[in-house]
Amino acid sequence: MFYQIDNVLVNKDVVHSNFACDLAVCKGGCCTFEGDYGAPLHPSEVEILRANVPLIIDIIPEEHRKVIETEGFFDDIDGELFTKSYNRCACVFVHYEGDIAKCSLEKVFYEGKTDFKKPLSCHLFPIRVSSFGGEILRYERFGDCAPAITKGNNEKREWSPF
């Protein structure tokens, strides 16, 4: 079932799922999912990210820095853009605070060094934007996010536009 809000179809799971990140439990799993690619990017975000790379280059792990310097920070797969993944398990923009993976872009945003917080797909996570003749928002379930559902259910965090 979908709701239509303006020209966007919104899957009912987006509206009726209780979700509240539990970073202390998941350890930033959204930034370290195993896979060939990192976060989906909108084409307009590439130049913004390029301008922000100098701000984060000393924050990220050395291995991530080397990937960015030798391969760049994004992949273009048949017109779909994604942040580069380090070792198939972490976005190249990840930095670590103890054992928690966090976004270096968000860190420099909160430090007042940029007005760009992070890619839209990261803001919306685990909501994904698809396009099938129009935009569709859908909730994608990830095992690493199970603690967020538990926390959301405990806090009764349900969002509804109605």
N, C-alpha and C. Protein backbone atom coordinates (compact mmCIF):
# COMPACT_ATOMS: atom_id res chain seq x y z
N MET A 1 0.84 -1.18 0.00
CA MET A 1 0.00 0.00 0.00
C MET A 1 0.88 1.24 0.00
N PHE A 2 0.45 2.24 -0.74
CA PHE A 2 1.19 3.50 -0.85
C PHE A 2 0.28 4.68 -0.53
N TYR A 3 0.88 5.72 -0.02
CA TYR A 3 0.21 7.00 0.14
C TYR A 3 0.81 7.93 -0.90
N GLN A 4 0.02 8.82 -1.44
CA GLN A 4 0.55 9.79 -2.37
C GLN A 4 0.59 11.15 -1.68
N ILE A 5 1.80 11.74 -1.64
CA ILE A 5 2.00 13.06 -1.08
C ILE A 5 2.60 13.90 -2.20
N ASP A 6 1.83 14.86 -2.67
CA ASP A 6 2.19 15.61 -3.87
C ASP A 6 2.47 14.62 -4.99
N ASN A 7 3.67 14.65 -5.58
CA ASN A 7 3.99 13.74 -6.68
C ASN A 7 4.85 12.57 -6.24
N VAL A 8 4.86 12.28 -4.93
CA VAL A 8 5.70 11.21 -4.40
C VAL A 8 4.82 10.11 -3.80
N LEU A 9 5.12 8.87 -4.19
CA LEU A 9 4.45 7.73 -3.58
C LEU A 9 5.27 7.29 -2.36
N VAL A 10 4.60 7.10 -1.23
CA VAL A 10 5.26 6.74 0.01
C VAL A 10 4.71 5.39 0.47
N ASN A 11 5.59 4.40 0.56
CA ASN A 11 5.20 3.07 1.01
C ASN A 11 4.70 3.14 2.45
N LYS A 12 3.67 2.39 2.78
CA LYS A 12 3.06 2.42 4.12
C LYS A 12 4.08 2.11 5.22
N ASP A 13 5.09 1.29 4.91
CA ASP A 13 6.10 0.94 5.91
C ASP A 13 6.91 2.16 6.34
N VAL A 14 7.08 3.12 5.44
CA VAL A 14 7.79 4.36 5.80
C VAL A 14 6.99 5.10 6.86
N VAL A 15 5.69 5.13 6.68
CA VAL A 15 4.81 5.90 7.56
C VAL A 15 4.58 5.20 8.90
N HIS A 16 4.46 3.88 8.89
CA HIS A 16 4.01 3.18 10.08
C HIS A 16 5.09 2.40 10.82
N SER A 17 6.34 2.52 10.43
CA SER A 17 7.41 1.82 11.14
C SER A 17 7.96 2.72 12.24
N ASN A 18 8.10 2.15 13.42
CA ASN A 18 8.74 2.86 14.52
C ASN A 18 10.25 2.67 14.36
N PHE A 19 10.97 3.75 14.22
CA PHE A 19 12.41 3.66 13.96
C PHE A 19 13.11 4.79 14.69
N ALA A 20 14.06 4.44 15.54
CA ALA A 20 14.88 5.43 16.25
C ALA A 20 16.29 4.86 16.34
N CYS A 21 17.22 5.46 15.64
CA CYS A 21 18.59 4.94 15.62
C CYS A 21 19.09 4.68 17.03
N ASP A 22 19.81 3.57 17.15
CA ASP A 22 20.43 3.21 18.42
C ASP A 22 21.91 2.99 18.15
N LEU A 23 22.61 4.09 17.97
CA LEU A 23 24.02 4.09 17.57
C LEU A 23 24.90 3.31 18.54
N ALA A 24 24.57 3.36 19.81
CA ALA A 24 25.38 2.65 20.80
C ALA A 24 25.32 1.13 20.58
N VAL A 25 24.23 0.65 19.98
CA VAL A 25 24.07 -0.78 19.74
C VAL A 25 24.54 -1.16 18.33
N CYS A 26 24.15 -0.40 17.32
CA CYS A 26 24.46 -0.79 15.94
C CYS A 26 25.88 -0.39 15.52
N LYS A 27 26.49 0.54 16.25
CA LYS A 27 27.88 0.96 16.00
C LYS A 27 28.07 1.62 14.64
N GLY A 28 27.01 2.23 14.11
CA GLY A 28 27.12 2.91 12.82
C GLY A 28 27.05 1.95 11.65
N GLY A 29 26.28 0.90 11.82
CA GLY A 29 26.15 -0.11 10.77
C GLY A 29 25.70 0.43 9.44
N CYS A 30 24.97 1.55 9.44
CA CYS A 30 24.51 2.13 8.18
C CYS A 30 25.67 2.64 7.33
N CYS A 31 26.79 2.93 7.96
CA CYS A 31 27.97 3.43 7.24
C CYS A 31 28.94 2.31 6.87
N THR A 32 28.66 1.10 7.37
CA THR A 32 29.60 0.01 7.16
C THR A 32 28.95 -1.27 6.62
N PHE A 33 27.86 -1.11 5.87
CA PHE A 33 27.23 -2.29 5.26
C PHE A 33 28.18 -2.93 4.27
N GLU A 34 28.17 -4.24 4.25
CA GLU A 34 28.98 -4.94 3.27
C GLU A 34 28.36 -4.78 1.90
N GLY A 35 29.19 -4.44 0.94
CA GLY A 35 28.72 -4.31 -0.43
C GLY A 35 29.75 -3.61 -1.30
N ASP A 36 29.54 -3.71 -2.59
CA ASP A 36 30.49 -3.12 -3.53
C ASP A 36 30.46 -1.60 -3.53
N TYR A 37 29.35 -1.01 -3.10
CA TYR A 37 29.19 0.43 -3.18
C TYR A 37 28.72 0.99 -1.86
N GLY A 38 28.94 2.28 -1.69
CA GLY A 38 28.48 2.97 -0.50
C GLY A 38 27.09 3.54 -0.72
N ALA A 39 26.88 4.73 -0.20
CA ALA A 39 25.56 5.37 -0.23
C ALA A 39 25.20 5.86 -1.63
N PRO A 40 23.94 5.72 -2.01
CA PRO A 40 23.49 6.30 -3.28
C PRO A 40 23.64 7.83 -3.25
N LEU A 41 24.00 8.40 -4.39
CA LEU A 41 24.19 9.85 -4.49
C LEU A 41 23.28 10.43 -5.56
N HIS A 42 22.83 11.63 -5.33
CA HIS A 42 22.13 12.41 -6.36
C HIS A 42 23.23 13.09 -7.17
N PRO A 43 23.08 13.23 -8.48
CA PRO A 43 24.12 13.87 -9.29
C PRO A 43 24.55 15.25 -8.76
N SER A 44 23.62 16.00 -8.21
CA SER A 44 23.97 17.34 -7.70
C SER A 44 24.89 17.29 -6.48
N GLU A 45 24.99 16.13 -5.85
CA GLU A 45 25.82 16.02 -4.64
C GLU A 45 27.30 15.81 -4.95
N VAL A 46 27.64 15.37 -6.15
CA VAL A 46 29.02 15.05 -6.48
C VAL A 46 29.94 16.27 -6.33
N GLU A 47 29.57 17.39 -6.90
CA GLU A 47 30.42 18.58 -6.79
C GLU A 47 30.48 19.11 -5.37
N ILE A 48 29.40 18.98 -4.64
CA ILE A 48 29.39 19.40 -3.23
C ILE A 48 30.35 18.52 -2.44
N LEU A 49 30.31 17.23 -2.68
CA LEU A 49 31.23 16.32 -2.00
C LEU A 49 32.67 16.62 -2.38
N ARG A 50 32.91 16.88 -3.66
CA ARG A 50 34.26 17.19 -4.13
C ARG A 50 34.82 18.40 -3.37
N ALA A 51 33.98 19.40 -3.15
CA ALA A 51 34.41 20.61 -2.43
C ALA A 51 34.66 20.32 -0.95
N ASN A 52 34.01 19.29 -0.42
CA ASN A 52 34.15 18.97 1.00
C ASN A 52 35.25 17.95 1.30
N VAL A 53 35.76 17.27 0.29
CA VAL A 53 36.82 16.28 0.52
C VAL A 53 38.01 16.88 1.28
N PRO A 54 38.51 18.07 0.93
CA PRO A 54 39.65 18.61 1.68
C PRO A 54 39.35 18.80 3.18
N LEU A 55 38.09 18.97 3.53
CA LEU A 55 37.72 19.17 4.94
C LEU A 55 37.76 17.88 5.75
N ILE A 56 37.60 16.75 5.08
CA ILE A 56 37.51 15.47 5.79
C ILE A 56 38.73 14.58 5.61
N ILE A 57 39.61 14.93 4.71
CA ILE A 57 40.71 14.04 4.32
C ILE A 57 41.60 13.65 5.50
N ASP A 58 41.76 14.53 6.48
CA ASP A 58 42.59 14.21 7.65
C ASP A 58 41.82 13.53 8.77
N ILE A 59 40.50 13.40 8.61
CA ILE A 59 39.67 12.77 9.63
C ILE A 59 39.49 11.29 9.37
N ILE A 60 39.44 10.92 8.10
CA ILE A 60 39.14 9.54 7.73
C ILE A 60 40.38 8.66 7.88
N PRO A 61 40.19 7.35 8.02
CA PRO A 61 41.33 6.43 8.12
C PRO A 61 42.23 6.52 6.87
N GLU A 62 43.50 6.24 7.07
CA GLU A 62 44.50 6.30 5.99
C GLU A 62 44.08 5.46 4.78
N GLU A 63 43.52 4.28 5.03
CA GLU A 63 43.12 3.40 3.92
C GLU A 63 42.03 4.05 3.07
N HIS A 64 41.12 4.77 3.72
CA HIS A 64 40.04 5.45 3.00
C HIS A 64 40.62 6.61 2.20
N ARG A 65 41.56 7.32 2.80
CA ARG A 65 42.23 8.44 2.12
C ARG A 65 42.90 7.94 0.84
N LYS A 66 43.56 6.81 0.92
CA LYS A 66 44.25 6.25 -0.26
C LYS A 66 43.26 5.91 -1.37
N VAL A 67 42.10 5.37 -1.00
CA VAL A 67 41.08 5.05 -2.01
C VAL A 67 40.64 6.34 -2.70
N ILE A 68 40.34 7.36 -1.93
CA ILE A 68 39.89 8.63 -2.52
C ILE A 68 40.96 9.21 -3.42
N GLU A 69 42.22 9.18 -2.97
CA GLU A 69 43.31 9.76 -3.76
C GLU A 69 43.61 8.98 -5.04
N THR A 70 43.42 7.66 -5.02
CA THR A 70 43.76 6.86 -6.20
C THR A 70 42.56 6.53 -7.09
N GLU A 71 41.36 6.39 -6.49
CA GLU A 71 40.20 5.95 -7.26
C GLU A 71 39.06 6.96 -7.28
N GLY A 72 39.16 8.00 -6.45
CA GLY A 72 38.07 8.95 -6.33
C GLY A 72 37.14 8.57 -5.20
N PHE A 73 36.08 9.35 -5.02
CA PHE A 73 35.19 9.12 -3.88
C PHE A 73 33.81 8.59 -4.27
N PHE A 74 33.58 8.42 -5.58
CA PHE A 74 32.28 7.87 -5.99
C PHE A 74 32.43 6.95 -7.18
N ASP A 75 31.42 6.10 -7.36
CA ASP A 75 31.33 5.19 -8.49
C ASP A 75 30.12 5.56 -9.31
N ASP A 76 30.24 5.43 -10.62
CA ASP A 76 29.12 5.62 -11.54
C ASP A 76 28.86 4.26 -12.18
N ILE A 77 27.77 3.65 -11.79
CA ILE A 77 27.42 2.32 -12.30
C ILE A 77 26.16 2.47 -13.14
N ASP A 78 26.36 2.48 -14.45
CA ASP A 78 25.25 2.61 -15.39
C ASP A 78 24.37 3.82 -15.07
N GLY A 79 25.02 4.94 -14.75
CA GLY A 79 24.30 6.17 -14.47
C GLY A 79 23.82 6.33 -13.04
N GLU A 80 23.98 5.29 -12.22
CA GLU A 80 23.65 5.38 -10.79
C GLU A 80 24.93 5.73 -10.05
N LEU A 81 24.86 6.71 -9.17
CA LEU A 81 26.03 7.18 -8.44
C LEU A 81 26.01 6.70 -7.00
N PHE A 82 27.19 6.33 -6.50
CA PHE A 82 27.34 5.82 -5.14
C PHE A 82 28.67 6.31 -4.56
N THR A 83 28.71 6.49 -3.24
CA THR A 83 30.01 6.76 -2.64
C THR A 83 30.86 5.50 -2.79
N LYS A 84 32.14 5.67 -2.85
CA LYS A 84 33.07 4.55 -2.95
C LYS A 84 33.03 3.76 -1.64
N SER A 85 33.22 2.47 -1.73
CA SER A 85 33.26 1.60 -0.56
C SER A 85 34.70 1.16 -0.34
N TYR A 86 35.15 1.21 0.91
CA TYR A 86 36.48 0.69 1.24
C TYR A 86 36.35 -0.78 1.64
N ASN A 87 37.10 -1.63 0.97
CA ASN A 87 37.17 -3.04 1.32
C ASN A 87 35.80 -3.72 1.38
N ARG A 88 34.88 -3.23 0.54
CA ARG A 88 33.52 -3.77 0.46
C ARG A 88 32.76 -3.71 1.78
N CYS A 89 33.18 -2.82 2.69
CA CYS A 89 32.47 -2.82 3.97
C CYS A 89 32.35 -1.47 4.65
N ALA A 90 32.80 -0.40 4.05
CA ALA A 90 32.65 0.90 4.71
C ALA A 90 32.67 2.01 3.66
N CYS A 91 31.80 2.98 3.83
CA CYS A 91 31.82 4.17 2.99
C CYS A 91 33.16 4.86 3.19
N VAL A 92 33.75 5.40 2.14
CA VAL A 92 35.06 6.05 2.28
C VAL A 92 35.00 7.31 3.14
N PHE A 93 33.81 7.84 3.40
CA PHE A 93 33.67 9.04 4.22
C PHE A 93 33.53 8.73 5.71
N VAL A 94 33.64 7.46 6.08
CA VAL A 94 33.52 7.06 7.49
C VAL A 94 34.77 7.45 8.27
N HIS A 95 34.54 7.89 9.50
CA HIS A 95 35.62 8.00 10.48
C HIS A 95 35.12 7.26 11.72
N TYR A 96 36.02 6.96 12.62
CA TYR A 96 35.64 6.18 13.79
C TYR A 96 35.87 6.97 15.06
N GLU A 97 34.88 6.91 15.94
CA GLU A 97 35.01 7.44 17.29
C GLU A 97 34.88 6.23 18.20
N GLY A 98 36.02 5.74 18.68
CA GLY A 98 36.02 4.47 19.40
C GLY A 98 35.64 3.38 18.43
N ASP A 99 34.62 2.60 18.78
CA ASP A 99 34.19 1.51 17.90
C ASP A 99 32.94 1.86 17.10
N ILE A 100 32.62 3.15 17.05
CA ILE A 100 31.43 3.58 16.33
C ILE A 100 31.82 4.29 15.03
N ALA A 101 31.26 3.80 13.92
CA ALA A 101 31.48 4.42 12.61
C ALA A 101 30.56 5.62 12.49
N LYS A 102 31.13 6.75 12.07
CA LYS A 102 30.35 7.97 11.90
C LYS A 102 30.74 8.64 10.59
N CYS A 103 29.89 9.55 10.15
CA CYS A 103 30.13 10.26 8.90
C CYS A 103 31.05 11.46 9.13
N SER A 104 32.17 11.48 8.41
CA SER A 104 33.10 12.61 8.54
C SER A 104 32.50 13.89 7.98
N LEU A 105 31.62 13.76 6.99
CA LEU A 105 30.96 14.95 6.43
C LEU A 105 30.07 15.60 7.49
N GLU A 106 29.36 14.77 8.23
CA GLU A 106 28.49 15.28 9.28
C GLU A 106 29.33 15.92 10.40
N LYS A 107 30.49 15.35 10.67
CA LYS A 107 31.38 15.90 11.71
C LYS A 107 31.80 17.32 11.36
N VAL A 108 32.26 17.54 10.11
CA VAL A 108 32.70 18.89 9.75
C VAL A 108 31.51 19.86 9.64
N PHE A 109 30.33 19.33 9.35
CA PHE A 109 29.13 20.16 9.35
C PHE A 109 28.89 20.70 10.76
N TYR A 110 28.91 19.80 11.75
CA TYR A 110 28.66 20.22 13.13
C TYR A 110 29.78 21.10 13.68
N GLU A 111 30.94 21.01 13.08
CA GLU A 111 32.05 21.90 13.47
C GLU A 111 31.94 23.27 12.80
N GLY A 112 30.90 23.45 11.96
CA GLY A 112 30.68 24.73 11.29
C GLY A 112 31.59 24.99 10.10
N LYS A 113 32.21 23.95 9.56
CA LYS A 113 33.14 24.11 8.45
C LYS A 113 32.48 24.03 7.08
N THR A 114 31.23 23.58 7.04
CA THR A 114 30.49 23.45 5.78
C THR A 114 28.99 23.54 6.08
N ASP A 115 28.23 23.83 5.05
CA ASP A 115 26.77 23.84 5.22
C ASP A 115 26.15 22.57 4.64
N PHE A 116 26.98 21.63 4.22
CA PHE A 116 26.52 20.35 3.69
C PHE A 116 26.68 19.29 4.79
N LYS A 117 25.55 18.70 5.20
CA LYS A 117 25.61 17.74 6.31
C LYS A 117 26.04 16.35 5.85
N LYS A 118 25.36 15.81 4.86
CA LYS A 118 25.68 14.50 4.30
C LYS A 118 24.72 14.23 3.15
N PRO A 119 25.00 13.23 2.32
CA PRO A 119 24.11 12.93 1.20
C PRO A 119 22.68 12.64 1.65
N LEU A 120 21.73 12.99 0.81
CA LEU A 120 20.32 12.80 1.12
C LEU A 120 20.00 11.36 1.48
N SER A 121 20.60 10.41 0.76
CA SER A 121 20.31 9.00 1.05
C SER A 121 20.73 8.62 2.46
N CYS A 122 21.74 9.28 2.99
CA CYS A 122 22.19 9.02 4.36
C CYS A 122 21.22 9.65 5.37
N HIS A 123 20.72 10.84 5.06
CA HIS A 123 19.71 11.48 5.91
C HIS A 123 18.48 10.60 6.03
N LEU A 124 18.05 10.03 4.92
CA LEU A 124 16.81 9.27 4.87
C LEU A 124 16.93 7.83 5.35
N PHE A 125 18.13 7.32 5.39
CA PHE A 125 18.36 5.91 5.71
C PHE A 125 17.57 5.48 6.94
N PRO A 126 16.85 4.36 6.89
CA PRO A 126 16.79 3.30 5.88
C PRO A 126 15.68 3.48 4.85
N ILE A 127 15.25 4.71 4.67
CA ILE A 127 14.30 5.00 3.61
C ILE A 127 15.09 5.18 2.32
N ARG A 128 14.62 4.55 1.28
CA ARG A 128 15.29 4.63 -0.02
C ARG A 128 14.37 5.33 -1.01
N VAL A 129 14.97 6.09 -1.91
CA VAL A 129 14.24 6.79 -2.96
C VAL A 129 14.42 5.99 -4.25
N SER A 130 13.32 5.64 -4.87
CA SER A 130 13.36 4.95 -6.16
C SER A 130 12.60 5.79 -7.16
N SER A 131 12.81 5.50 -8.42
CA SER A 131 12.10 6.23 -9.45
C SER A 131 11.54 5.24 -10.46
N PHE A 132 10.24 5.21 -10.57
CA PHE A 132 9.55 4.38 -11.56
C PHE A 132 8.53 5.26 -12.26
N GLY A 133 9.01 6.23 -13.00
CA GLY A 133 8.12 7.19 -13.64
C GLY A 133 7.72 8.31 -12.68
N GLY A 134 8.24 8.28 -11.48
CA GLY A 134 7.99 9.25 -10.42
C GLY A 134 8.69 8.76 -9.17
N GLU A 135 8.88 9.63 -8.21
CA GLU A 135 9.62 9.22 -7.02
C GLU A 135 8.77 8.37 -6.08
N ILE A 136 9.43 7.36 -5.51
CA ILE A 136 8.82 6.47 -4.54
C ILE A 136 9.75 6.39 -3.33
N LEU A 137 9.17 6.58 -2.13
CA LEU A 137 9.92 6.38 -0.90
C LEU A 137 9.53 5.03 -0.34
N ARG A 138 10.54 4.22 -0.02
CA ARG A 138 10.25 2.90 0.54
C ARG A 138 11.19 2.65 1.72
N TYR A 139 10.70 1.90 2.67
CA TYR A 139 11.47 1.53 3.85
C TYR A 139 12.16 0.21 3.56
N GLU A 140 13.48 0.19 3.66
CA GLU A 140 14.24 -1.03 3.40
C GLU A 140 14.75 -1.58 4.73
N ARG A 141 14.38 -2.81 5.02
CA ARG A 141 14.77 -3.41 6.30
C ARG A 141 16.18 -3.98 6.21
N PHE A 142 16.99 -3.64 7.22
CA PHE A 142 18.36 -4.13 7.32
C PHE A 142 18.53 -4.76 8.70
N GLY A 143 19.15 -5.92 8.76
CA GLY A 143 19.36 -6.61 10.03
C GLY A 143 20.11 -5.75 11.05
N ASP A 144 21.09 -4.97 10.57
CA ASP A 144 21.86 -4.12 11.49
C ASP A 144 21.00 -3.05 12.14
N CYS A 145 19.84 -2.78 11.57
CA CYS A 145 18.95 -1.74 12.11
C CYS A 145 17.88 -2.29 13.04
N ALA A 146 17.91 -3.58 13.33
CA ALA A 146 16.92 -4.16 14.23
C ALA A 146 16.87 -3.43 15.58
N PRO A 147 18.01 -3.03 16.16
CA PRO A 147 17.94 -2.29 17.42
C PRO A 147 17.16 -0.97 17.30
N ALA A 148 17.17 -0.37 16.14
CA ALA A 148 16.43 0.88 15.93
C ALA A 148 14.92 0.65 15.95
N ILE A 149 14.49 -0.50 15.49
CA ILE A 149 13.07 -0.84 15.54
C ILE A 149 12.66 -1.08 16.99
N THR A 150 13.49 -1.82 17.72
CA THR A 150 13.20 -2.07 19.14
C THR A 150 13.12 -0.75 19.90
N LYS A 151 14.11 0.11 19.70
CA LYS A 151 14.11 1.41 20.38
C LYS A 151 12.91 2.25 19.94
N GLY A 152 12.61 2.26 18.66
CA GLY A 152 11.46 3.01 18.15
C GLY A 152 10.15 2.50 18.72
N ASN A 153 10.01 1.18 18.82
CA ASN A 153 8.80 0.61 19.41
C ASN A 153 8.68 0.98 20.89
N ASN A 154 9.81 0.95 21.59
CA ASN A 154 9.80 1.32 23.01
C ASN A 154 9.45 2.78 23.21
N GLU A 155 9.91 3.62 22.29
CA GLU A 155 9.65 5.06 22.40
C GLU A 155 8.39 5.48 21.64
N LYS A 156 7.78 4.53 20.93
CA LYS A 156 6.59 4.80 20.11
C LYS A 156 6.83 5.92 19.12
N ARG A 157 7.93 5.83 18.40
CA ARG A 157 8.25 6.84 17.41
C ARG A 157 7.67 6.45 16.07
N GLU A 158 6.47 6.81 15.84
CA GLU A 158 5.85 6.57 14.54
C GLU A 158 5.58 7.92 13.92
N TRP A 159 6.01 8.06 12.69
CA TRP A 159 5.78 9.31 11.97
C TRP A 159 4.57 9.11 11.07
N SER A 160 3.73 10.08 11.02
CA SER A 160 2.58 10.00 10.12
C SER A 160 2.23 11.39 9.60
N PRO A 161 2.04 11.50 8.30
CA PRO A 161 1.65 12.79 7.73
C PRO A 161 0.15 13.03 7.85
N PHE A 162 -0.60 12.08 8.41
CA PHE A 162 -2.06 12.17 8.44
C PHE A 162 -2.56 12.42 9.85
